[in-house]
Amino acid sequence: MIIDCHAHVFTHWIGACGHPTRDVHNRYLQRMITRTVASTFRARDGAQADTKALYRTDDPGWSGLTDVDFRVGRFGQLEFTHAGEDHVIQYMPVGMQEMVAPPELMLAQMMYAGVDHCLLQAGGSYGAMTEMNAFAQQQYPDRMTGMMHVDEAKAGTEAELAKVDHAICALERKMFEKVLGRSLRLSQCRLDGHRSFAGVTGVHGASAISNPSSL
């Protein structure tokens, strides 16, 4: 079996892509592209350029990003304006007319390349794609395994911990479904205010687990 350990599905990059706002996602993209090896051109005449205008060399962090109207273009390009000149970064293939990658696009690429299974990454620049990765895994469980996005700088906050809880609840449900060989429904989840573990109850059909240690 051939497994691709670094694959992506994502909604259109022109939007928030799972982040709180579109601006937050744009900043993730700009931060990623500051160290890119992708070709950069001046839009007016196609002259070779670089991405040095995207950040201050004395500040490699978020605060060092410059105001260059960074934006998502078409045909695999990211765009910015510096000194009155528009520039394009050819980050994705030219044939990618829109910056969006549904699960079916990844399936087509996997078939062409002879890949059996893939792990869907959820990095900030490509979008906080936890929910979309979960959807893709649910639709194609034999072909895709979704990973979740964690904002490491805020990993200890209540909001981020709630996202982790949600992912763990989903993982637990899938685990019990495998053991029992049937569909289950979680009757309690930390996202609904529950703070103590009471097993998986209220499940589909006649199955109920009140004491997981008995498995």
N, C-alpha and C. Protein backbone atom coordinates (compact mmCIF):
# COMPACT_ATOMS: atom_id res chain seq x y z
N MET A 1 0.84 -1.20 0.00
CA MET A 1 0.00 0.00 0.00
C MET A 1 0.87 1.24 0.00
N ILE A 2 0.53 2.20 -0.83
CA ILE A 2 1.24 3.48 -0.89
C ILE A 2 0.40 4.53 -0.17
N ILE A 3 1.00 5.20 0.82
CA ILE A 3 0.31 6.21 1.61
C ILE A 3 1.00 7.55 1.45
N ASP A 4 0.25 8.56 1.06
CA ASP A 4 0.76 9.93 0.98
C ASP A 4 0.52 10.58 2.34
N CYS A 5 1.61 10.90 3.05
CA CYS A 5 1.49 11.43 4.41
C CYS A 5 1.28 12.94 4.47
N HIS A 6 1.25 13.61 3.32
CA HIS A 6 1.06 15.06 3.34
C HIS A 6 0.18 15.47 2.17
N ALA A 7 -1.12 15.46 2.41
CA ALA A 7 -2.08 15.85 1.38
C ALA A 7 -2.99 16.93 1.95
N HIS A 8 -3.72 17.62 1.07
CA HIS A 8 -4.61 18.70 1.50
C HIS A 8 -5.91 18.68 0.74
N VAL A 9 -6.99 19.02 1.43
CA VAL A 9 -8.23 19.46 0.81
C VAL A 9 -8.54 20.80 1.48
N PHE A 10 -9.11 21.73 0.73
CA PHE A 10 -9.40 23.03 1.34
C PHE A 10 -10.47 23.78 0.56
N THR A 11 -11.19 24.63 1.29
CA THR A 11 -12.16 25.51 0.67
C THR A 11 -11.42 26.65 -0.03
N HIS A 12 -12.15 27.47 -0.77
CA HIS A 12 -11.51 28.52 -1.57
C HIS A 12 -10.69 29.46 -0.69
N TRP A 13 -9.44 29.66 -1.08
CA TRP A 13 -8.53 30.49 -0.29
C TRP A 13 -8.95 31.94 -0.19
N ILE A 14 -9.87 32.37 -1.00
CA ILE A 14 -10.30 33.76 -0.93
C ILE A 14 -11.11 34.03 0.33
N GLY A 15 -11.54 32.96 0.98
CA GLY A 15 -12.34 33.10 2.21
C GLY A 15 -11.52 32.87 3.46
N ALA A 16 -12.22 32.71 4.59
CA ALA A 16 -11.56 32.54 5.88
C ALA A 16 -10.95 31.15 6.05
N CYS A 17 -11.44 30.18 5.31
CA CYS A 17 -10.89 28.82 5.34
C CYS A 17 -10.77 28.24 6.75
N GLY A 18 -11.82 28.39 7.53
CA GLY A 18 -11.84 27.82 8.87
C GLY A 18 -11.28 28.72 9.94
N HIS A 19 -10.61 29.81 9.57
CA HIS A 19 -10.08 30.77 10.55
C HIS A 19 -11.19 31.75 10.95
N PRO A 20 -10.98 32.51 12.02
CA PRO A 20 -12.02 33.44 12.46
C PRO A 20 -12.43 34.46 11.40
N THR A 21 -11.46 34.95 10.61
CA THR A 21 -11.77 35.94 9.59
C THR A 21 -10.91 35.69 8.35
N ARG A 22 -11.30 36.31 7.26
CA ARG A 22 -10.53 36.24 6.02
C ARG A 22 -9.15 36.88 6.19
N ASP A 23 -9.09 37.97 6.98
CA ASP A 23 -7.82 38.65 7.20
C ASP A 23 -6.82 37.75 7.93
N VAL A 24 -7.30 36.98 8.90
CA VAL A 24 -6.42 36.06 9.63
C VAL A 24 -5.83 35.03 8.67
N HIS A 25 -6.67 34.49 7.79
CA HIS A 25 -6.16 33.51 6.83
C HIS A 25 -5.14 34.15 5.89
N ASN A 26 -5.40 35.37 5.43
CA ASN A 26 -4.44 36.06 4.56
C ASN A 26 -3.09 36.23 5.25
N ARG A 27 -3.10 36.52 6.54
CA ARG A 27 -1.85 36.69 7.26
C ARG A 27 -1.09 35.37 7.37
N TYR A 28 -1.80 34.28 7.56
CA TYR A 28 -1.16 32.97 7.54
C TYR A 28 -0.49 32.73 6.19
N LEU A 29 -1.20 33.05 5.11
CA LEU A 29 -0.65 32.85 3.77
C LEU A 29 0.58 33.73 3.55
N GLN A 30 0.49 34.99 3.94
CA GLN A 30 1.62 35.90 3.74
C GLN A 30 2.83 35.46 4.53
N ARG A 31 2.59 35.00 5.76
CA ARG A 31 3.70 34.52 6.60
C ARG A 31 4.37 33.31 5.97
N MET A 32 3.57 32.38 5.43
CA MET A 32 4.12 31.18 4.79
C MET A 32 4.96 31.54 3.58
N ILE A 33 4.49 32.49 2.80
CA ILE A 33 5.09 32.77 1.50
C ILE A 33 6.36 33.62 1.62
N THR A 34 6.68 34.12 2.80
CA THR A 34 7.88 34.95 2.95
C THR A 34 9.16 34.17 2.68
N ARG A 35 9.11 32.85 2.85
CA ARG A 35 10.32 32.04 2.65
C ARG A 35 10.13 31.05 1.50
N THR A 36 9.30 31.39 0.54
CA THR A 36 8.98 30.45 -0.52
C THR A 36 10.09 30.36 -1.57
N VAL A 37 10.11 29.23 -2.26
CA VAL A 37 11.00 29.07 -3.42
C VAL A 37 10.18 29.19 -4.71
N ALA A 38 8.89 29.47 -4.57
CA ALA A 38 8.04 29.63 -5.74
C ALA A 38 8.46 30.86 -6.55
N SER A 39 8.30 30.80 -7.85
CA SER A 39 8.69 31.90 -8.73
C SER A 39 7.80 33.11 -8.50
N THR A 40 8.43 34.28 -8.47
CA THR A 40 7.72 35.55 -8.26
C THR A 40 8.00 36.47 -9.44
N PHE A 41 6.95 37.14 -9.92
CA PHE A 41 7.07 37.99 -11.11
C PHE A 41 6.42 39.35 -10.88
N ARG A 42 6.93 40.36 -11.60
CA ARG A 42 6.24 41.64 -11.67
C ARG A 42 5.14 41.50 -12.71
N ALA A 43 3.91 41.81 -12.33
CA ALA A 43 2.76 41.53 -13.20
C ALA A 43 2.81 42.32 -14.51
N ARG A 44 3.35 43.51 -14.47
CA ARG A 44 3.32 44.38 -15.65
C ARG A 44 4.07 43.80 -16.83
N ASP A 45 5.23 43.19 -16.59
CA ASP A 45 6.06 42.73 -17.71
C ASP A 45 6.64 41.33 -17.51
N GLY A 46 6.26 40.67 -16.41
CA GLY A 46 6.76 39.31 -16.18
C GLY A 46 8.20 39.24 -15.72
N ALA A 47 8.78 40.36 -15.33
CA ALA A 47 10.16 40.37 -14.86
C ALA A 47 10.29 39.59 -13.55
N GLN A 48 11.40 38.88 -13.38
CA GLN A 48 11.63 38.13 -12.15
C GLN A 48 11.67 39.07 -10.95
N ALA A 49 11.08 38.64 -9.85
CA ALA A 49 11.06 39.44 -8.64
C ALA A 49 11.26 38.52 -7.44
N ASP A 50 11.05 39.03 -6.23
CA ASP A 50 11.17 38.20 -5.03
C ASP A 50 10.11 38.62 -4.02
N THR A 51 10.13 37.98 -2.87
CA THR A 51 9.09 38.24 -1.86
C THR A 51 9.63 39.04 -0.66
N LYS A 52 10.76 39.69 -0.82
CA LYS A 52 11.35 40.43 0.30
C LYS A 52 10.46 41.55 0.81
N ALA A 53 9.59 42.06 -0.06
CA ALA A 53 8.70 43.15 0.34
C ALA A 53 7.60 42.70 1.29
N LEU A 54 7.44 41.39 1.49
CA LEU A 54 6.35 40.89 2.32
C LEU A 54 6.64 40.96 3.81
N TYR A 55 7.90 41.20 4.20
CA TYR A 55 8.24 41.17 5.62
C TYR A 55 9.47 42.03 5.90
N ARG A 56 9.62 42.41 7.16
CA ARG A 56 10.81 43.14 7.59
C ARG A 56 11.86 42.14 8.03
N THR A 57 13.07 42.29 7.56
CA THR A 57 14.12 41.32 7.86
C THR A 57 14.51 41.30 9.34
N ASP A 58 14.20 42.38 10.07
CA ASP A 58 14.56 42.44 11.48
C ASP A 58 13.47 41.85 12.39
N ASP A 59 12.37 41.38 11.78
CA ASP A 59 11.28 40.84 12.56
C ASP A 59 10.66 39.66 11.81
N PRO A 60 11.06 38.42 12.14
CA PRO A 60 10.56 37.25 11.43
C PRO A 60 9.16 36.80 11.88
N GLY A 61 8.60 37.48 12.89
CA GLY A 61 7.30 37.07 13.42
C GLY A 61 6.13 37.71 12.70
N TRP A 62 4.94 37.54 13.28
CA TRP A 62 3.72 38.08 12.68
C TRP A 62 3.77 39.59 12.57
N SER A 63 4.36 40.24 13.56
CA SER A 63 4.41 41.71 13.56
C SER A 63 5.32 42.25 12.46
N GLY A 64 6.16 41.38 11.87
CA GLY A 64 7.06 41.82 10.81
C GLY A 64 6.44 41.80 9.42
N LEU A 65 5.22 41.31 9.30
CA LEU A 65 4.55 41.30 7.99
C LEU A 65 4.21 42.72 7.56
N THR A 66 4.47 43.04 6.31
CA THR A 66 4.25 44.39 5.81
C THR A 66 2.88 44.52 5.15
N ASP A 67 2.43 45.75 5.01
CA ASP A 67 1.13 46.03 4.39
C ASP A 67 1.34 46.19 2.89
N VAL A 68 1.11 45.10 2.15
CA VAL A 68 1.33 45.11 0.70
C VAL A 68 0.07 44.63 -0.04
N ASP A 69 -1.09 44.77 0.60
CA ASP A 69 -2.35 44.32 0.00
C ASP A 69 -2.21 42.88 -0.50
N PHE A 70 -1.69 42.01 0.36
CA PHE A 70 -1.53 40.60 0.00
C PHE A 70 -2.90 39.98 -0.24
N ARG A 71 -3.02 39.19 -1.31
CA ARG A 71 -4.33 38.67 -1.69
C ARG A 71 -4.20 37.39 -2.49
N VAL A 72 -5.31 36.68 -2.61
CA VAL A 72 -5.37 35.43 -3.38
C VAL A 72 -5.83 35.75 -4.80
N GLY A 73 -5.08 35.25 -5.78
CA GLY A 73 -5.44 35.46 -7.17
C GLY A 73 -6.03 34.21 -7.80
N ARG A 74 -5.87 34.10 -9.10
CA ARG A 74 -6.33 32.93 -9.85
C ARG A 74 -5.13 32.23 -10.49
N PHE A 75 -5.39 31.09 -11.10
CA PHE A 75 -4.36 30.34 -11.83
C PHE A 75 -3.15 30.01 -10.97
N GLY A 76 -3.44 29.66 -9.70
CA GLY A 76 -2.38 29.24 -8.78
C GLY A 76 -1.53 30.36 -8.22
N GLN A 77 -1.98 31.61 -8.39
CA GLN A 77 -1.15 32.75 -8.00
C GLN A 77 -1.62 33.43 -6.72
N LEU A 78 -0.65 33.89 -5.94
CA LEU A 78 -0.88 34.81 -4.82
C LEU A 78 -0.33 36.16 -5.25
N GLU A 79 -0.98 37.23 -4.84
CA GLU A 79 -0.63 38.56 -5.37
C GLU A 79 -0.32 39.53 -4.24
N PHE A 80 0.50 40.53 -4.55
CA PHE A 80 0.75 41.64 -3.62
C PHE A 80 1.19 42.86 -4.42
N THR A 81 1.10 44.03 -3.79
CA THR A 81 1.47 45.29 -4.44
C THR A 81 2.55 45.98 -3.62
N HIS A 82 3.65 46.33 -4.28
CA HIS A 82 4.76 46.99 -3.61
C HIS A 82 5.28 48.12 -4.50
N ALA A 83 5.45 49.29 -3.91
CA ALA A 83 5.96 50.47 -4.64
C ALA A 83 5.13 50.74 -5.90
N GLY A 84 3.83 50.55 -5.79
CA GLY A 84 2.95 50.83 -6.90
C GLY A 84 2.92 49.77 -7.98
N GLU A 85 3.64 48.69 -7.80
CA GLU A 85 3.69 47.62 -8.80
C GLU A 85 3.02 46.35 -8.27
N ASP A 86 2.16 45.76 -9.08
CA ASP A 86 1.55 44.48 -8.73
C ASP A 86 2.52 43.34 -9.02
N HIS A 87 2.55 42.36 -8.12
CA HIS A 87 3.41 41.18 -8.27
C HIS A 87 2.58 39.92 -8.08
N VAL A 88 3.02 38.83 -8.69
CA VAL A 88 2.35 37.54 -8.53
C VAL A 88 3.37 36.49 -8.13
N ILE A 89 2.94 35.59 -7.25
CA ILE A 89 3.75 34.45 -6.82
C ILE A 89 3.08 33.20 -7.35
N GLN A 90 3.79 32.44 -8.17
CA GLN A 90 3.20 31.23 -8.75
C GLN A 90 3.37 30.09 -7.76
N TYR A 91 2.46 30.04 -6.77
CA TYR A 91 2.60 29.08 -5.68
C TYR A 91 2.01 27.72 -6.04
N MET A 92 0.89 27.72 -6.72
CA MET A 92 0.24 26.49 -7.16
C MET A 92 0.42 26.34 -8.67
N PRO A 93 0.09 25.17 -9.24
CA PRO A 93 0.20 25.01 -10.71
C PRO A 93 -0.65 26.03 -11.46
N VAL A 94 -0.18 26.44 -12.61
CA VAL A 94 -0.89 27.43 -13.42
C VAL A 94 -2.29 26.93 -13.76
N GLY A 95 -2.44 25.63 -13.94
CA GLY A 95 -3.73 25.07 -14.32
C GLY A 95 -4.76 25.09 -13.21
N MET A 96 -4.38 25.49 -12.00
CA MET A 96 -5.34 25.57 -10.90
C MET A 96 -6.08 26.90 -11.01
N GLN A 97 -7.17 26.89 -11.78
CA GLN A 97 -7.85 28.14 -12.11
C GLN A 97 -8.40 28.85 -10.87
N GLU A 98 -8.86 28.10 -9.89
CA GLU A 98 -9.32 28.67 -8.63
C GLU A 98 -8.60 27.97 -7.49
N MET A 99 -8.34 28.71 -6.42
CA MET A 99 -7.59 28.17 -5.28
C MET A 99 -8.52 27.40 -4.34
N VAL A 100 -8.97 26.26 -4.80
CA VAL A 100 -9.85 25.42 -4.02
C VAL A 100 -9.54 23.96 -4.35
N ALA A 101 -9.63 23.08 -3.35
CA ALA A 101 -9.28 21.67 -3.57
C ALA A 101 -10.25 20.77 -2.82
N PRO A 102 -11.34 20.36 -3.45
CA PRO A 102 -12.30 19.45 -2.82
C PRO A 102 -11.72 18.04 -2.72
N PRO A 103 -12.29 17.18 -1.91
CA PRO A 103 -11.78 15.81 -1.77
C PRO A 103 -11.69 15.07 -3.10
N GLU A 104 -12.61 15.33 -4.01
CA GLU A 104 -12.62 14.63 -5.29
C GLU A 104 -11.40 14.98 -6.14
N LEU A 105 -10.87 16.18 -5.99
CA LEU A 105 -9.65 16.55 -6.70
C LEU A 105 -8.48 15.71 -6.19
N MET A 106 -8.39 15.54 -4.87
CA MET A 106 -7.33 14.72 -4.30
C MET A 106 -7.48 13.27 -4.72
N LEU A 107 -8.72 12.77 -4.79
CA LEU A 107 -8.93 11.39 -5.23
C LEU A 107 -8.44 11.19 -6.65
N ALA A 108 -8.70 12.16 -7.52
CA ALA A 108 -8.25 12.06 -8.91
C ALA A 108 -6.73 12.04 -8.98
N GLN A 109 -6.07 12.87 -8.18
CA GLN A 109 -4.61 12.90 -8.18
C GLN A 109 -4.05 11.59 -7.61
N MET A 110 -4.70 11.06 -6.60
CA MET A 110 -4.25 9.79 -6.01
C MET A 110 -4.35 8.66 -7.02
N MET A 111 -5.45 8.63 -7.76
CA MET A 111 -5.61 7.58 -8.76
C MET A 111 -4.54 7.69 -9.84
N TYR A 112 -4.25 8.91 -10.29
CA TYR A 112 -3.25 9.13 -11.33
C TYR A 112 -1.85 8.73 -10.85
N ALA A 113 -1.55 9.02 -9.58
CA ALA A 113 -0.21 8.75 -9.03
C ALA A 113 -0.08 7.36 -8.43
N GLY A 114 -1.19 6.61 -8.36
CA GLY A 114 -1.13 5.27 -7.78
C GLY A 114 -1.04 5.26 -6.27
N VAL A 115 -1.65 6.26 -5.61
CA VAL A 115 -1.64 6.35 -4.15
C VAL A 115 -2.90 5.71 -3.59
N ASP A 116 -2.75 4.86 -2.57
CA ASP A 116 -3.88 4.14 -2.01
C ASP A 116 -4.61 4.92 -0.92
N HIS A 117 -3.86 5.65 -0.12
CA HIS A 117 -4.45 6.33 1.04
C HIS A 117 -3.65 7.61 1.30
N CYS A 118 -4.30 8.60 1.90
CA CYS A 118 -3.58 9.85 2.20
C CYS A 118 -3.97 10.37 3.58
N LEU A 119 -3.03 11.10 4.19
CA LEU A 119 -3.27 11.81 5.44
C LEU A 119 -3.49 13.28 5.11
N LEU A 120 -4.65 13.80 5.49
CA LEU A 120 -5.01 15.18 5.18
C LEU A 120 -4.48 16.10 6.27
N GLN A 121 -3.50 16.93 5.92
CA GLN A 121 -2.94 17.89 6.85
C GLN A 121 -3.90 19.06 7.04
N ALA A 122 -3.69 19.83 8.12
CA ALA A 122 -4.63 20.91 8.43
C ALA A 122 -3.89 22.18 8.86
N GLY A 123 -2.78 22.48 8.20
CA GLY A 123 -1.97 23.63 8.55
C GLY A 123 -2.70 24.95 8.38
N GLY A 124 -2.24 25.98 9.10
CA GLY A 124 -2.93 27.26 9.09
C GLY A 124 -2.99 27.96 7.75
N SER A 125 -1.94 27.85 6.96
CA SER A 125 -1.90 28.56 5.68
C SER A 125 -2.91 27.99 4.70
N TYR A 126 -3.01 26.68 4.64
CA TYR A 126 -3.97 26.04 3.75
C TYR A 126 -5.39 26.11 4.31
N GLY A 127 -5.51 26.60 5.53
CA GLY A 127 -6.79 26.72 6.19
C GLY A 127 -6.89 25.82 7.40
N ALA A 128 -7.68 26.24 8.38
CA ALA A 128 -7.93 25.41 9.56
C ALA A 128 -9.00 24.40 9.17
N MET A 129 -8.59 23.37 8.47
CA MET A 129 -9.50 22.48 7.77
C MET A 129 -9.93 21.26 8.57
N THR A 130 -10.02 21.38 9.89
CA THR A 130 -10.41 20.25 10.71
C THR A 130 -11.76 19.67 10.28
N GLU A 131 -12.74 20.54 10.13
CA GLU A 131 -14.09 20.07 9.79
C GLU A 131 -14.14 19.48 8.38
N MET A 132 -13.46 20.13 7.43
CA MET A 132 -13.48 19.61 6.07
C MET A 132 -12.72 18.29 5.99
N ASN A 133 -11.62 18.18 6.72
CA ASN A 133 -10.90 16.91 6.75
C ASN A 133 -11.77 15.79 7.32
N ALA A 134 -12.54 16.13 8.37
CA ALA A 134 -13.43 15.13 8.96
C ALA A 134 -14.51 14.71 7.96
N PHE A 135 -15.02 15.68 7.21
CA PHE A 135 -16.03 15.37 6.19
C PHE A 135 -15.45 14.46 5.11
N ALA A 136 -14.23 14.79 4.65
CA ALA A 136 -13.59 13.98 3.61
C ALA A 136 -13.35 12.55 4.11
N GLN A 137 -12.92 12.41 5.36
CA GLN A 137 -12.68 11.08 5.92
C GLN A 137 -13.99 10.31 6.03
N GLN A 138 -15.06 10.99 6.40
CA GLN A 138 -16.36 10.33 6.51
C GLN A 138 -16.85 9.86 5.15
N GLN A 139 -16.61 10.67 4.12
CA GLN A 139 -17.06 10.32 2.77
C GLN A 139 -16.21 9.21 2.16
N TYR A 140 -14.90 9.23 2.45
CA TYR A 140 -13.98 8.28 1.82
C TYR A 140 -13.08 7.66 2.89
N PRO A 141 -13.63 6.90 3.82
CA PRO A 141 -12.84 6.37 4.94
C PRO A 141 -11.73 5.41 4.53
N ASP A 142 -11.86 4.76 3.40
CA ASP A 142 -10.82 3.82 2.95
C ASP A 142 -9.68 4.53 2.21
N ARG A 143 -9.90 5.81 1.89
CA ARG A 143 -8.89 6.52 1.09
C ARG A 143 -8.25 7.69 1.83
N MET A 144 -8.96 8.25 2.83
CA MET A 144 -8.46 9.47 3.48
C MET A 144 -8.56 9.39 4.99
N THR A 145 -7.53 9.89 5.67
CA THR A 145 -7.55 10.06 7.12
C THR A 145 -7.28 11.53 7.42
N GLY A 146 -8.23 12.18 8.09
CA GLY A 146 -8.11 13.61 8.35
C GLY A 146 -7.39 13.92 9.65
N MET A 147 -6.58 14.96 9.64
CA MET A 147 -5.91 15.45 10.84
C MET A 147 -6.56 16.76 11.25
N MET A 148 -6.36 17.17 12.50
CA MET A 148 -6.99 18.40 12.97
C MET A 148 -5.97 19.53 13.09
N HIS A 149 -6.48 20.75 12.99
CA HIS A 149 -5.63 21.94 13.11
C HIS A 149 -5.60 22.41 14.56
N VAL A 150 -4.40 22.67 15.07
CA VAL A 150 -4.23 23.23 16.40
C VAL A 150 -3.44 24.52 16.28
N ASP A 151 -4.01 25.61 16.75
CA ASP A 151 -3.29 26.88 16.78
C ASP A 151 -2.34 26.83 17.97
N GLU A 152 -1.08 26.51 17.72
CA GLU A 152 -0.14 26.22 18.80
C GLU A 152 0.03 27.40 19.76
N ALA A 153 -0.04 28.62 19.23
CA ALA A 153 0.14 29.80 20.08
C ALA A 153 -1.01 29.95 21.08
N LYS A 154 -2.16 29.35 20.77
CA LYS A 154 -3.34 29.48 21.63
C LYS A 154 -3.81 28.11 22.13
N ALA A 155 -2.93 27.13 22.09
CA ALA A 155 -3.33 25.75 22.36
C ALA A 155 -3.92 25.55 23.75
N GLY A 156 -3.53 26.37 24.73
CA GLY A 156 -4.03 26.20 26.09
C GLY A 156 -5.29 26.98 26.41
N THR A 157 -5.80 27.74 25.44
CA THR A 157 -6.99 28.54 25.70
C THR A 157 -8.24 27.67 25.66
N GLU A 158 -9.31 28.16 26.28
CA GLU A 158 -10.55 27.38 26.35
C GLU A 158 -11.11 27.10 24.96
N ALA A 159 -11.01 28.10 24.06
CA ALA A 159 -11.55 27.93 22.71
C ALA A 159 -10.83 26.83 21.95
N GLU A 160 -9.49 26.80 22.05
CA GLU A 160 -8.72 25.78 21.34
C GLU A 160 -8.91 24.40 21.97
N LEU A 161 -8.99 24.35 23.30
CA LEU A 161 -9.21 23.07 23.98
C LEU A 161 -10.57 22.49 23.61
N ALA A 162 -11.55 23.36 23.39
CA ALA A 162 -12.88 22.89 22.98
C ALA A 162 -12.81 22.21 21.61
N LYS A 163 -11.98 22.76 20.71
CA LYS A 163 -11.82 22.14 19.39
C LYS A 163 -11.16 20.77 19.51
N VAL A 164 -10.17 20.66 20.41
CA VAL A 164 -9.52 19.37 20.62
C VAL A 164 -10.52 18.36 21.18
N ASP A 165 -11.32 18.82 22.16
CA ASP A 165 -12.34 17.94 22.73
C ASP A 165 -13.28 17.41 21.65
N HIS A 166 -13.69 18.29 20.75
CA HIS A 166 -14.60 17.90 19.67
C HIS A 166 -13.97 16.81 18.81
N ALA A 167 -12.70 16.98 18.48
CA ALA A 167 -12.01 16.00 17.64
C ALA A 167 -11.85 14.67 18.38
N ILE A 168 -11.54 14.73 19.69
CA ILE A 168 -11.38 13.51 20.47
C ILE A 168 -12.71 12.77 20.59
N CYS A 169 -13.80 13.52 20.78
CA CYS A 169 -15.11 12.88 20.84
C CYS A 169 -15.41 12.13 19.55
N ALA A 170 -15.08 12.76 18.43
CA ALA A 170 -15.32 12.11 17.13
C ALA A 170 -14.45 10.87 16.99
N LEU A 171 -13.18 10.95 17.48
CA LEU A 171 -12.27 9.80 17.40
C LEU A 171 -12.77 8.65 18.27
N GLU A 172 -13.25 8.99 19.47
CA GLU A 172 -13.78 7.95 20.36
C GLU A 172 -14.98 7.25 19.71
N ARG A 173 -15.85 8.04 19.10
CA ARG A 173 -17.02 7.44 18.45
C ARG A 173 -16.61 6.46 17.36
N LYS A 174 -15.62 6.86 16.54
CA LYS A 174 -15.17 5.97 15.47
C LYS A 174 -14.54 4.70 16.04
N MET A 175 -13.81 4.84 17.15
CA MET A 175 -13.17 3.68 17.76
C MET A 175 -14.22 2.67 18.24
N PHE A 176 -15.25 3.18 18.94
CA PHE A 176 -16.29 2.29 19.44
C PHE A 176 -17.10 1.69 18.29
N GLU A 177 -17.29 2.44 17.21
CA GLU A 177 -17.99 1.90 16.05
C GLU A 177 -17.23 0.71 15.47
N LYS A 178 -15.90 0.81 15.45
CA LYS A 178 -15.10 -0.30 14.94
C LYS A 178 -15.24 -1.53 15.84
N VAL A 179 -15.21 -1.30 17.16
CA VAL A 179 -15.30 -2.42 18.11
C VAL A 179 -16.66 -3.11 18.00
N LEU A 180 -17.73 -2.30 17.90
CA LEU A 180 -19.08 -2.87 17.91
C LEU A 180 -19.60 -3.23 16.53
N GLY A 181 -18.96 -2.69 15.51
CA GLY A 181 -19.40 -2.98 14.16
C GLY A 181 -20.72 -2.36 13.79
N ARG A 182 -21.05 -1.21 14.37
CA ARG A 182 -22.30 -0.52 14.06
C ARG A 182 -22.15 0.98 14.32
N SER A 183 -23.09 1.76 13.82
CA SER A 183 -23.04 3.21 14.00
C SER A 183 -23.43 3.59 15.42
N LEU A 184 -22.77 4.62 15.95
CA LEU A 184 -23.03 5.09 17.30
C LEU A 184 -23.33 6.58 17.29
N ARG A 185 -23.97 7.04 18.38
CA ARG A 185 -24.20 8.46 18.57
C ARG A 185 -23.77 8.83 19.98
N LEU A 186 -22.89 9.83 20.12
CA LEU A 186 -22.47 10.26 21.44
C LEU A 186 -23.60 11.04 22.10
N SER A 187 -23.96 10.64 23.31
CA SER A 187 -25.02 11.36 24.02
C SER A 187 -24.46 12.49 24.87
N GLN A 188 -23.15 12.50 25.11
CA GLN A 188 -22.53 13.56 25.89
C GLN A 188 -21.23 13.99 25.22
N CYS A 189 -20.96 15.28 25.30
CA CYS A 189 -19.72 15.82 24.74
C CYS A 189 -19.34 17.05 25.54
N ARG A 190 -18.05 17.26 25.73
CA ARG A 190 -17.58 18.43 26.48
C ARG A 190 -18.05 19.74 25.84
N LEU A 191 -18.22 19.74 24.53
CA LEU A 191 -18.68 20.96 23.86
C LEU A 191 -20.10 21.32 24.28
N ASP A 192 -20.83 20.34 24.82
CA ASP A 192 -22.19 20.60 25.30
C ASP A 192 -22.23 20.88 26.79
N GLY A 193 -21.06 21.05 27.41
CA GLY A 193 -21.00 21.39 28.82
C GLY A 193 -20.68 20.24 29.74
N HIS A 194 -20.58 19.01 29.22
CA HIS A 194 -20.28 17.86 30.06
C HIS A 194 -18.78 17.84 30.39
N ARG A 195 -18.45 17.60 31.65
CA ARG A 195 -17.06 17.65 32.08
C ARG A 195 -16.57 16.35 32.68
N SER A 196 -17.41 15.36 32.78
CA SER A 196 -16.98 14.07 33.33
C SER A 196 -17.24 12.98 32.32
N PHE A 197 -16.38 11.96 32.32
CA PHE A 197 -16.53 10.88 31.34
C PHE A 197 -17.55 9.87 31.85
N ALA A 198 -18.57 9.64 31.05
CA ALA A 198 -19.61 8.69 31.46
C ALA A 198 -19.77 7.58 30.44
N GLY A 199 -18.77 7.39 29.62
CA GLY A 199 -18.85 6.38 28.58
C GLY A 199 -19.65 6.86 27.40
N VAL A 200 -19.90 5.96 26.48
CA VAL A 200 -20.70 6.27 25.30
C VAL A 200 -22.07 5.69 25.51
N THR A 201 -23.07 6.54 25.66
CA THR A 201 -24.42 6.06 25.96
C THR A 201 -25.39 6.60 24.94
N GLY A 202 -26.62 6.07 24.99
CA GLY A 202 -27.64 6.54 24.07
C GLY A 202 -27.26 6.26 22.63
N VAL A 203 -26.62 5.12 22.36
CA VAL A 203 -26.11 4.84 21.04
C VAL A 203 -27.18 4.21 20.17
N HIS A 204 -26.85 4.09 18.91
CA HIS A 204 -27.80 3.58 17.93
C HIS A 204 -28.24 2.16 18.23
N GLY A 205 -29.49 1.88 17.98
CA GLY A 205 -29.99 0.51 18.16
C GLY A 205 -30.03 0.12 19.63
N ALA A 206 -29.72 -1.13 19.90
CA ALA A 206 -29.78 -1.64 21.28
C ALA A 206 -28.45 -1.53 21.99
N SER A 207 -27.44 -1.00 21.31
CA SER A 207 -26.10 -0.95 21.91
C SER A 207 -25.95 0.23 22.83
N ALA A 208 -25.31 0.03 23.95
CA ALA A 208 -24.97 1.11 24.87
C ALA A 208 -23.76 0.67 25.66
N ILE A 209 -22.83 1.61 25.88
CA ILE A 209 -21.62 1.28 26.64
C ILE A 209 -21.57 2.23 27.83
N SER A 210 -21.77 1.74 29.02
CA SER A 210 -21.67 2.57 30.21
C SER A 210 -20.38 2.31 30.96
N ASN A 211 -19.70 1.22 30.58
CA ASN A 211 -18.44 0.88 31.23
C ASN A 211 -17.44 0.44 30.16
N PRO A 212 -16.74 1.40 29.54
CA PRO A 212 -15.82 1.06 28.45
C PRO A 212 -14.74 0.08 28.85
N SER A 213 -14.40 0.02 30.15
CA SER A 213 -13.33 -0.89 30.57
C SER A 213 -13.73 -2.35 30.40
N SER A 214 -15.03 -2.59 30.20
CA SER A 214 -15.48 -3.97 30.04
C SER A 214 -15.24 -4.50 28.64
N LEU A 215 -14.81 -3.63 27.71
CA LEU A 215 -14.56 -4.09 26.35
C LEU A 215 -13.33 -4.97 26.31
